[in-house]
Every structure is written in structure tokens, then in C-alpha cells.
Amino acid sequence: MSPTIHRERGFKFNFFSNENSEPPHIHIRKGNYDAKYWLYKSKNCVAEYVYNDTPAMTRAVESILEIQKETFIEEYNKKINK
């Protein structure tokens, strides 16, 4: 299961329920765009993979991640502590 926890600028941000053994991260989709970013508390988010990207999409996603990172980390921690 992968509930969407945030939607912005057409992007859907979600987690997968079977990835509890991994550090906090978020999956992002919009059309053919598909990405996974690691959510680090002490530094910028880092892309694990990004498919069908454009420079504008990178800027948009990284801007959203910068603002929402703490919320995403909190939600991820809630998910794995269930």
C-alpha cells in the first residue's frame, strides 16, 4: 500500500508500506516522472533515483522537499512505528 501523504504542483508524495527497513525516504510521481529521495534531517535530501526528469521538475521537487522535509520525516516515522 502506498497512501499519498502530500500533493503539490501535480506531484504525489508517498511511502510504501513494505520498506520499513530503509532510512526515511519519499517516493514522488507525476505523469511519467518517478523519483525516490532520502530524507536526511541534517542535510539536503538526496535522490536515490529520478526517471523522466527535467530541470524544472528537479527545482520544483527540491523546493517542496525543502519545505516539507520535517513533516515527511515525521509521517515516515509514524508509519514504521505502527
PDB file of N, CA and C in Angstrom:
ATOM      1  N   MET A   1       0.841  -1.183   0.000  1.00  0.00           N
ATOM      2  CA  MET A   1       0.000   0.000   0.000  1.00  0.00           C
ATOM      3  C   MET A   1       0.883   1.242   0.000  1.00  0.00           C
ATOM      4  N   SER A   2       0.458   2.266  -0.690  1.00  0.00           N
ATOM      5  CA  SER A   2       1.245   3.490  -0.757  1.00  0.00           C
ATOM      6  C   SER A   2       0.344   4.715  -0.707  1.00  0.00           C
ATOM      7  N   PRO A   3      -0.130   5.062   0.479  1.00  0.00           N
ATOM      8  CA  PRO A   3      -1.013   6.227   0.567  1.00  0.00           C
ATOM      9  C   PRO A   3      -0.264   7.519   0.236  1.00  0.00           C
ATOM     10  N   THR A   4      -0.926   8.387  -0.483  1.00  0.00           N
ATOM     11  CA  THR A   4      -0.356   9.694  -0.794  1.00  0.00           C
ATOM     12  C   THR A   4      -0.456  10.553   0.454  1.00  0.00           C
ATOM     13  N   ILE A   5       0.678  11.101   0.881  1.00  0.00           N
ATOM     14  CA  ILE A   5       0.655  11.935   2.091  1.00  0.00           C
ATOM     15  C   ILE A   5       0.698  13.420   1.764  1.00  0.00           C
ATOM     16  N   HIS A   6       1.023  13.749   0.505  1.00  0.00           N
ATOM     17  CA  HIS A   6       1.097  15.160   0.119  1.00  0.00           C
ATOM     18  C   HIS A   6       0.932  15.260  -1.391  1.00  0.00           C
ATOM     19  N   ARG A   7       0.229  16.299  -1.820  1.00  0.00           N
ATOM     20  CA  ARG A   7       0.088  16.613  -3.249  1.00  0.00           C
ATOM     21  C   ARG A   7       0.386  18.088  -3.421  1.00  0.00           C
ATOM     22  N   GLU A   8       1.223  18.360  -4.399  1.00  0.00           N
ATOM     23  CA  GLU A   8       1.555  19.759  -4.674  1.00  0.00           C
ATOM     24  C   GLU A   8       2.100  19.870  -6.088  1.00  0.00           C
ATOM     25  N   ARG A   9       1.642  20.891  -6.827  1.00  0.00           N
ATOM     26  CA  ARG A   9       2.091  21.153  -8.197  1.00  0.00           C
ATOM     27  C   ARG A   9       1.978  19.919  -9.090  1.00  0.00           C
ATOM     28  N   GLY A  10       0.996  19.077  -8.816  1.00  0.00           N
ATOM     29  CA  GLY A  10       0.782  17.878  -9.610  1.00  0.00           C
ATOM     30  C   GLY A  10       1.592  16.673  -9.177  1.00  0.00           C
ATOM     31  N   PHE A  11       2.498  16.853  -8.222  1.00  0.00           N
ATOM     32  CA  PHE A  11       3.308  15.751  -7.709  1.00  0.00           C
ATOM     33  C   PHE A  11       2.576  15.045  -6.574  1.00  0.00           C
ATOM     34  N   LYS A  12       2.714  13.732  -6.508  1.00  0.00           N
ATOM     35  CA  LYS A  12       2.184  12.932  -5.402  1.00  0.00           C
ATOM     36  C   LYS A  12       3.376  12.398  -4.616  1.00  0.00           C
ATOM     37  N   PHE A  13       3.348  12.588  -3.310  1.00  0.00           N
ATOM     38  CA  PHE A  13       4.410  12.148  -2.416  1.00  0.00           C
ATOM     39  C   PHE A  13       3.864  11.014  -1.560  1.00  0.00           C
ATOM     40  N   ASN A  14       4.554   9.877  -1.555  1.00  0.00           N
ATOM     41  CA  ASN A  14       4.048   8.737  -0.800  1.00  0.00           C
ATOM     42  C   ASN A  14       5.172   7.841  -0.287  1.00  0.00           C
ATOM     43  N   PHE A  15       4.795   6.921   0.611  1.00  0.00           N
ATOM     44  CA  PHE A  15       5.671   5.875   1.133  1.00  0.00           C
ATOM     45  C   PHE A  15       5.084   4.536   0.727  1.00  0.00           C
ATOM     46  N   PHE A  16       5.910   3.505   0.710  1.00  0.00           N
ATOM     47  CA  PHE A  16       5.428   2.142   0.515  1.00  0.00           C
ATOM     48  C   PHE A  16       5.480   1.430   1.855  1.00  0.00           C
ATOM     49  N   SER A  17       4.446   0.686   2.173  1.00  0.00           N
ATOM     50  CA  SER A  17       4.322   0.076   3.499  1.00  0.00           C
ATOM     51  C   SER A  17       5.321  -1.040   3.753  1.00  0.00           C
ATOM     52  N   ASN A  18       5.959  -1.583   2.740  1.00  0.00           N
ATOM     53  CA  ASN A  18       6.867  -2.705   2.937  1.00  0.00           C
ATOM     54  C   ASN A  18       8.342  -2.293   2.970  1.00  0.00           C
ATOM     55  N   GLU A  19       8.631  -1.037   3.225  1.00  0.00           N
ATOM     56  CA  GLU A  19      10.007  -0.548   3.199  1.00  0.00           C
ATOM     57  C   GLU A  19      10.494  -0.083   4.570  1.00  0.00           C
ATOM     58  N   ASN A  20      10.022  -0.717   5.616  1.00  0.00           N
ATOM     59  CA  ASN A  20      10.359  -0.287   6.968  1.00  0.00           C
ATOM     60  C   ASN A  20      11.829  -0.436   7.316  1.00  0.00           C
ATOM     61  N   SER A  21      12.552  -1.279   6.615  1.00  0.00           N
ATOM     62  CA  SER A  21      13.955  -1.490   6.946  1.00  0.00           C
ATOM     63  C   SER A  21      14.874  -0.408   6.362  1.00  0.00           C
ATOM     64  N   GLU A  22      14.329   0.486   5.579  1.00  0.00           N
ATOM     65  CA  GLU A  22      15.128   1.539   4.960  1.00  0.00           C
ATOM     66  C   GLU A  22      15.051   2.831   5.776  1.00  0.00           C
ATOM     67  N   PRO A  23      16.074   3.683   5.662  1.00  0.00           N
ATOM     68  CA  PRO A  23      16.011   5.001   6.304  1.00  0.00           C
ATOM     69  C   PRO A  23      14.864   5.823   5.714  1.00  0.00           C
ATOM     70  N   PRO A  24      14.480   6.913   6.374  1.00  0.00           N
ATOM     71  CA  PRO A  24      13.381   7.739   5.865  1.00  0.00           C
ATOM     72  C   PRO A  24      13.618   8.188   4.423  1.00  0.00           C
ATOM     73  N   HIS A  25      12.578   8.000   3.625  1.00  0.00           N
ATOM     74  CA  HIS A  25      12.630   8.411   2.225  1.00  0.00           C
ATOM     75  C   HIS A  25      11.215   8.638   1.731  1.00  0.00           C
ATOM     76  N   ILE A  26      11.111   9.234   0.551  1.00  0.00           N
ATOM     77  CA  ILE A  26       9.803   9.531  -0.035  1.00  0.00           C
ATOM     78  C   ILE A  26       9.838   9.200  -1.525  1.00  0.00           C
ATOM     79  N   HIS A  27       8.733   8.679  -2.032  1.00  0.00           N
ATOM     80  CA  HIS A  27       8.568   8.419  -3.459  1.00  0.00           C
ATOM     81  C   HIS A  27       7.718   9.549  -4.036  1.00  0.00           C
ATOM     82  N   ILE A  28       8.068   9.978  -5.239  1.00  0.00           N
ATOM     83  CA  ILE A  28       7.386  11.111  -5.864  1.00  0.00           C
ATOM     84  C   ILE A  28       7.033  10.722  -7.296  1.00  0.00           C
ATOM     85  N   ARG A  29       5.777  11.022  -7.674  1.00  0.00           N
ATOM     86  CA  ARG A  29       5.327  10.710  -9.037  1.00  0.00           C
ATOM     87  C   ARG A  29       4.523  11.877  -9.596  1.00  0.00           C
ATOM     88  N   LYS A  30       4.665  12.026 -10.898  1.00  0.00           N
ATOM     89  CA  LYS A  30       3.840  12.981 -11.654  1.00  0.00           C
ATOM     90  C   LYS A  30       3.942  12.557 -13.107  1.00  0.00           C
ATOM     91  N   GLY A  31       2.855  12.051 -13.682  1.00  0.00           N
ATOM     92  CA  GLY A  31       2.904  11.549 -15.047  1.00  0.00           C
ATOM     93  C   GLY A  31       3.953  10.459 -15.166  1.00  0.00           C
ATOM     94  N   ASN A  32       4.919  10.625 -16.071  1.00  0.00           N
ATOM     95  CA  ASN A  32       5.998   9.654 -16.250  1.00  0.00           C
ATOM     96  C   ASN A  32       7.165   9.892 -15.293  1.00  0.00           C
ATOM     97  N   TYR A  33       7.136  10.994 -14.577  1.00  0.00           N
ATOM     98  CA  TYR A  33       8.200  11.302 -13.615  1.00  0.00           C
ATOM     99  C   TYR A  33       8.076  10.360 -12.422  1.00  0.00           C
ATOM    100  N   ASP A  34       9.200   9.813 -11.998  1.00  0.00           N
ATOM    101  CA  ASP A  34       9.227   8.897 -10.854  1.00  0.00           C
ATOM    102  C   ASP A  34      10.555   9.105 -10.131  1.00  0.00           C
ATOM    103  N   ALA A  35      10.500   9.315  -8.815  1.00  0.00           N
ATOM    104  CA  ALA A  35      11.725   9.574  -8.061  1.00  0.00           C
ATOM    105  C   ALA A  35      11.617   9.023  -6.648  1.00  0.00           C
ATOM    106  N   LYS A  36      12.777   8.814  -6.052  1.00  0.00           N
ATOM    107  CA  LYS A  36      12.882   8.430  -4.648  1.00  0.00           C
ATOM    108  C   LYS A  36      13.980   9.293  -4.045  1.00  0.00           C
ATOM    109  N   TYR A  37      13.641   9.978  -2.956  1.00  0.00           N
ATOM    110  CA  TYR A  37      14.595  10.845  -2.265  1.00  0.00           C
ATOM    111  C   TYR A  37      14.773  10.381  -0.832  1.00  0.00           C
ATOM    112  N   TRP A  38      16.022  10.358  -0.373  1.00  0.00           N
ATOM    113  CA  TRP A  38      16.329  10.089   1.026  1.00  0.00           C
ATOM    114  C   TRP A  38      16.103  11.375   1.804  1.00  0.00           C
ATOM    115  N   LEU A  39      15.462  11.256   2.962  1.00  0.00           N
ATOM    116  CA  LEU A  39      15.123  12.407   3.798  1.00  0.00           C
ATOM    117  C   LEU A  39      16.096  12.492   4.970  1.00  0.00           C
ATOM    118  N   TYR A  40      17.122  13.310   4.828  1.00  0.00           N
ATOM    119  CA  TYR A  40      18.113  13.473   5.888  1.00  0.00           C
ATOM    120  C   TYR A  40      17.774  14.691   6.723  1.00  0.00           C
ATOM    121  N   LYS A  41      17.792  14.532   8.050  1.00  0.00           N
ATOM    122  CA  LYS A  41      17.483  15.643   8.940  1.00  0.00           C
ATOM    123  C   LYS A  41      18.539  16.744   8.866  1.00  0.00           C
ATOM    124  N   SER A  42      19.795  16.368   8.809  1.00  0.00           N
ATOM    125  CA  SER A  42      20.863  17.347   8.957  1.00  0.00           C
ATOM    126  C   SER A  42      21.432  17.882   7.642  1.00  0.00           C
ATOM    127  N   LYS A  43      20.926  17.411   6.517  1.00  0.00           N
ATOM    128  CA  LYS A  43      21.415  17.915   5.232  1.00  0.00           C
ATOM    129  C   LYS A  43      20.293  17.855   4.205  1.00  0.00           C
ATOM    130  N   ASN A  44      20.608  18.281   3.001  1.00  0.00           N
ATOM    131  CA  ASN A  44      19.616  18.277   1.932  1.00  0.00           C
ATOM    132  C   ASN A  44      19.190  16.854   1.583  1.00  0.00           C
ATOM    133  N   CYS A  45      17.997  16.743   1.055  1.00  0.00           N
ATOM    134  CA  CYS A  45      17.508  15.449   0.568  1.00  0.00           C
ATOM    135  C   CYS A  45      18.349  15.048  -0.642  1.00  0.00           C
ATOM    136  N   VAL A  46      18.543  13.747  -0.791  1.00  0.00           N
ATOM    137  CA  VAL A  46      19.381  13.236  -1.870  1.00  0.00           C
ATOM    138  C   VAL A  46      18.573  12.239  -2.693  1.00  0.00           C
ATOM    139  N   ALA A  47      18.640  12.388  -4.006  1.00  0.00           N
ATOM    140  CA  ALA A  47      17.900  11.488  -4.893  1.00  0.00           C
ATOM    141  C   ALA A  47      18.558  10.121  -4.940  1.00  0.00           C
ATOM    142  N   GLU A  48      17.766   9.078  -4.707  1.00  0.00           N
ATOM    143  CA  GLU A  48      18.209   7.695  -4.920  1.00  0.00           C
ATOM    144  C   GLU A  48      18.096   7.375  -6.411  1.00  0.00           C
ATOM    145  N   TYR A  49      16.967   7.778  -7.012  1.00  0.00           N
ATOM    146  CA  TYR A  49      16.782   7.653  -8.456  1.00  0.00           C
ATOM    147  C   TYR A  49      15.767   8.687  -8.912  1.00  0.00           C
ATOM    148  N   VAL A  50      15.878   9.078 -10.169  1.00  0.00           N
ATOM    149  CA  VAL A  50      14.933  10.001 -10.789  1.00  0.00           C
ATOM    150  C   VAL A  50      14.801   9.593 -12.249  1.00  0.00           C
ATOM    151  N   TYR A  51      13.574   9.364 -12.691  1.00  0.00           N
ATOM    152  CA  TYR A  51      13.295   8.994 -14.071  1.00  0.00           C
ATOM    153  C   TYR A  51      12.411  10.052 -14.724  1.00  0.00           C
ATOM    154  N   ASN A  52      12.690  10.312 -15.995  1.00  0.00           N
ATOM    155  CA  ASN A  52      11.896  11.248 -16.800  1.00  0.00           C
ATOM    156  C   ASN A  52      11.845  12.632 -16.171  1.00  0.00           C
ATOM    157  N   ASP A  53      13.012  13.126 -15.830  1.00  0.00           N
ATOM    158  CA  ASP A  53      13.163  14.397 -15.129  1.00  0.00           C
ATOM    159  C   ASP A  53      13.433  15.532 -16.110  1.00  0.00           C
ATOM    160  N   THR A  54      13.120  16.736 -15.681  1.00  0.00           N
ATOM    161  CA  THR A  54      13.518  17.956 -16.371  1.00  0.00           C
ATOM    162  C   THR A  54      14.118  18.883 -15.315  1.00  0.00           C
ATOM    163  N   PRO A  55      14.905  19.856 -15.713  1.00  0.00           N
ATOM    164  CA  PRO A  55      15.437  20.800 -14.715  1.00  0.00           C
ATOM    165  C   PRO A  55      14.337  21.491 -13.909  1.00  0.00           C
ATOM    166  N   ALA A  56      13.232  21.826 -14.561  1.00  0.00           N
ATOM    167  CA  ALA A  56      12.125  22.480 -13.849  1.00  0.00           C
ATOM    168  C   ALA A  56      11.510  21.550 -12.805  1.00  0.00           C
ATOM    169  N   MET A  57      11.392  20.279 -13.136  1.00  0.00           N
ATOM    170  CA  MET A  57      10.841  19.314 -12.174  1.00  0.00           C
ATOM    171  C   MET A  57      11.790  19.148 -10.992  1.00  0.00           C
ATOM    172  N   THR A  58      13.082  19.083 -11.250  1.00  0.00           N
ATOM    173  CA  THR A  58      14.046  18.976 -10.158  1.00  0.00           C
ATOM    174  C   THR A  58      13.921  20.162  -9.216  1.00  0.00           C
ATOM    175  N   ARG A  59      13.860  21.361  -9.758  1.00  0.00           N
ATOM    176  CA  ARG A  59      13.719  22.558  -8.915  1.00  0.00           C
ATOM    177  C   ARG A  59      12.426  22.515  -8.113  1.00  0.00           C
ATOM    178  N   ALA A  60      11.328  22.134  -8.748  1.00  0.00           N
ATOM    179  CA  ALA A  60      10.033  22.083  -8.059  1.00  0.00           C
ATOM    180  C   ALA A  60      10.057  21.057  -6.925  1.00  0.00           C
ATOM    181  N   VAL A  61      10.533  19.844  -7.212  1.00  0.00           N
ATOM    182  CA  VAL A  61      10.564  18.788  -6.202  1.00  0.00           C
ATOM    183  C   VAL A  61      11.479  19.177  -5.050  1.00  0.00           C
ATOM    184  N   GLU A  62      12.663  19.673  -5.356  1.00  0.00           N
ATOM    185  CA  GLU A  62      13.593  20.021  -4.287  1.00  0.00           C
ATOM    186  C   GLU A  62      13.091  21.187  -3.451  1.00  0.00           C
ATOM    187  N   SER A  63      12.353  22.098  -4.048  1.00  0.00           N
ATOM    188  CA  SER A  63      11.739  23.190  -3.300  1.00  0.00           C
ATOM    189  C   SER A  63      10.677  22.660  -2.332  1.00  0.00           C
ATOM    190  N   ILE A  64       9.839  21.759  -2.821  1.00  0.00           N
ATOM    191  CA  ILE A  64       8.805  21.156  -1.961  1.00  0.00           C
ATOM    192  C   ILE A  64       9.459  20.354  -0.840  1.00  0.00           C
ATOM    193  N   LEU A  65      10.482  19.572  -1.173  1.00  0.00           N
ATOM    194  CA  LEU A  65      11.160  18.766  -0.152  1.00  0.00           C
ATOM    195  C   LEU A  65      11.786  19.647   0.921  1.00  0.00           C
ATOM    196  N   GLU A  66      12.366  20.755   0.530  1.00  0.00           N
ATOM    197  CA  GLU A  66      12.982  21.657   1.493  1.00  0.00           C
ATOM    198  C   GLU A  66      11.956  22.151   2.513  1.00  0.00           C
ATOM    199  N   ILE A  67      10.767  22.460   2.051  1.00  0.00           N
ATOM    200  CA  ILE A  67       9.711  22.978   2.924  1.00  0.00           C
ATOM    201  C   ILE A  67       9.048  21.867   3.734  1.00  0.00           C
ATOM    202  N   GLN A  68       8.810  20.716   3.125  1.00  0.00           N
ATOM    203  CA  GLN A  68       8.020  19.647   3.736  1.00  0.00           C
ATOM    204  C   GLN A  68       8.851  18.555   4.409  1.00  0.00           C
ATOM    205  N   LYS A  69      10.173  18.628   4.340  1.00  0.00           N
ATOM    206  CA  LYS A  69      11.032  17.528   4.792  1.00  0.00           C
ATOM    207  C   LYS A  69      10.722  17.075   6.216  1.00  0.00           C
ATOM    208  N   GLU A  70      10.620  17.974   7.152  1.00  0.00           N
ATOM    209  CA  GLU A  70      10.360  17.595   8.546  1.00  0.00           C
ATOM    210  C   GLU A  70       9.020  16.875   8.685  1.00  0.00           C
ATOM    211  N   THR A  71       8.010  17.351   7.983  1.00  0.00           N
ATOM    212  CA  THR A  71       6.699  16.705   8.010  1.00  0.00           C
ATOM    213  C   THR A  71       6.781  15.308   7.425  1.00  0.00           C
ATOM    214  N   PHE A  72       7.500  15.157   6.316  1.00  0.00           N
ATOM    215  CA  PHE A  72       7.652  13.839   5.698  1.00  0.00           C
ATOM    216  C   PHE A  72       8.390  12.879   6.626  1.00  0.00           C
ATOM    217  N   ILE A  73       9.418  13.353   7.304  1.00  0.00           N
ATOM    218  CA  ILE A  73      10.155  12.500   8.250  1.00  0.00           C
ATOM    219  C   ILE A  73       9.248  12.069   9.389  1.00  0.00           C
ATOM    220  N   GLU A  74       8.464  12.986   9.922  1.00  0.00           N
ATOM    221  CA  GLU A  74       7.514  12.645  10.997  1.00  0.00           C
ATOM    222  C   GLU A  74       6.518  11.595  10.522  1.00  0.00           C
ATOM    223  N   GLU A  75       5.958  11.777   9.336  1.00  0.00           N
ATOM    224  CA  GLU A  75       4.993  10.817   8.792  1.00  0.00           C
ATOM    225  C   GLU A  75       5.643   9.455   8.556  1.00  0.00           C
ATOM    226  N   TYR A  76       6.865   9.462   8.066  1.00  0.00           N
ATOM    227  CA  TYR A  76       7.575   8.202   7.837  1.00  0.00           C
ATOM    228  C   TYR A  76       7.775   7.464   9.160  1.00  0.00           C
ATOM    229  N   ASN A  77       8.190   8.203  10.191  1.00  0.00           N
ATOM    230  CA  ASN A  77       8.409   7.583  11.495  1.00  0.00           C
ATOM    231  C   ASN A  77       7.113   7.042  12.091  1.00  0.00           C
ATOM    232  N   LYS A  78       6.008   7.721  11.890  1.00  0.00           N
ATOM    233  CA  LYS A  78       4.700   7.217  12.337  1.00  0.00           C
ATOM    234  C   LYS A  78       4.376   5.909  11.635  1.00  0.00           C
ATOM    235  N   LYS A  79       4.676   5.852  10.331  1.00  0.00           N
ATOM    236  CA  LYS A  79       4.377   4.665   9.530  1.00  0.00           C
ATOM    237  C   LYS A  79       5.156   3.456  10.029  1.00  0.00           C
ATOM    238  N   ILE A  80       6.438   3.622  10.334  1.00  0.00           N
ATOM    239  CA  ILE A  80       7.229   2.465  10.722  1.00  0.00           C
ATOM    240  C   ILE A  80       7.006   2.076  12.183  1.00  0.00           C
ATOM    241  N   ASN A  81       6.440   2.970  12.978  1.00  0.00           N
ATOM    242  CA  ASN A  81       6.185   2.657  14.387  1.00  0.00           C
ATOM    243  C   ASN A  81       4.803   2.074  14.630  1.00  0.00           C
ATOM    244  N   LYS A  82       4.077   1.788  13.564  1.00  0.00           N
ATOM    245  CA  LYS A  82       2.735   1.202  13.714  1.00  0.00           C
ATOM    246  C   LYS A  82       2.840  -0.264  14.047  1.00  0.00           C
TER     247      LYS A  82
END
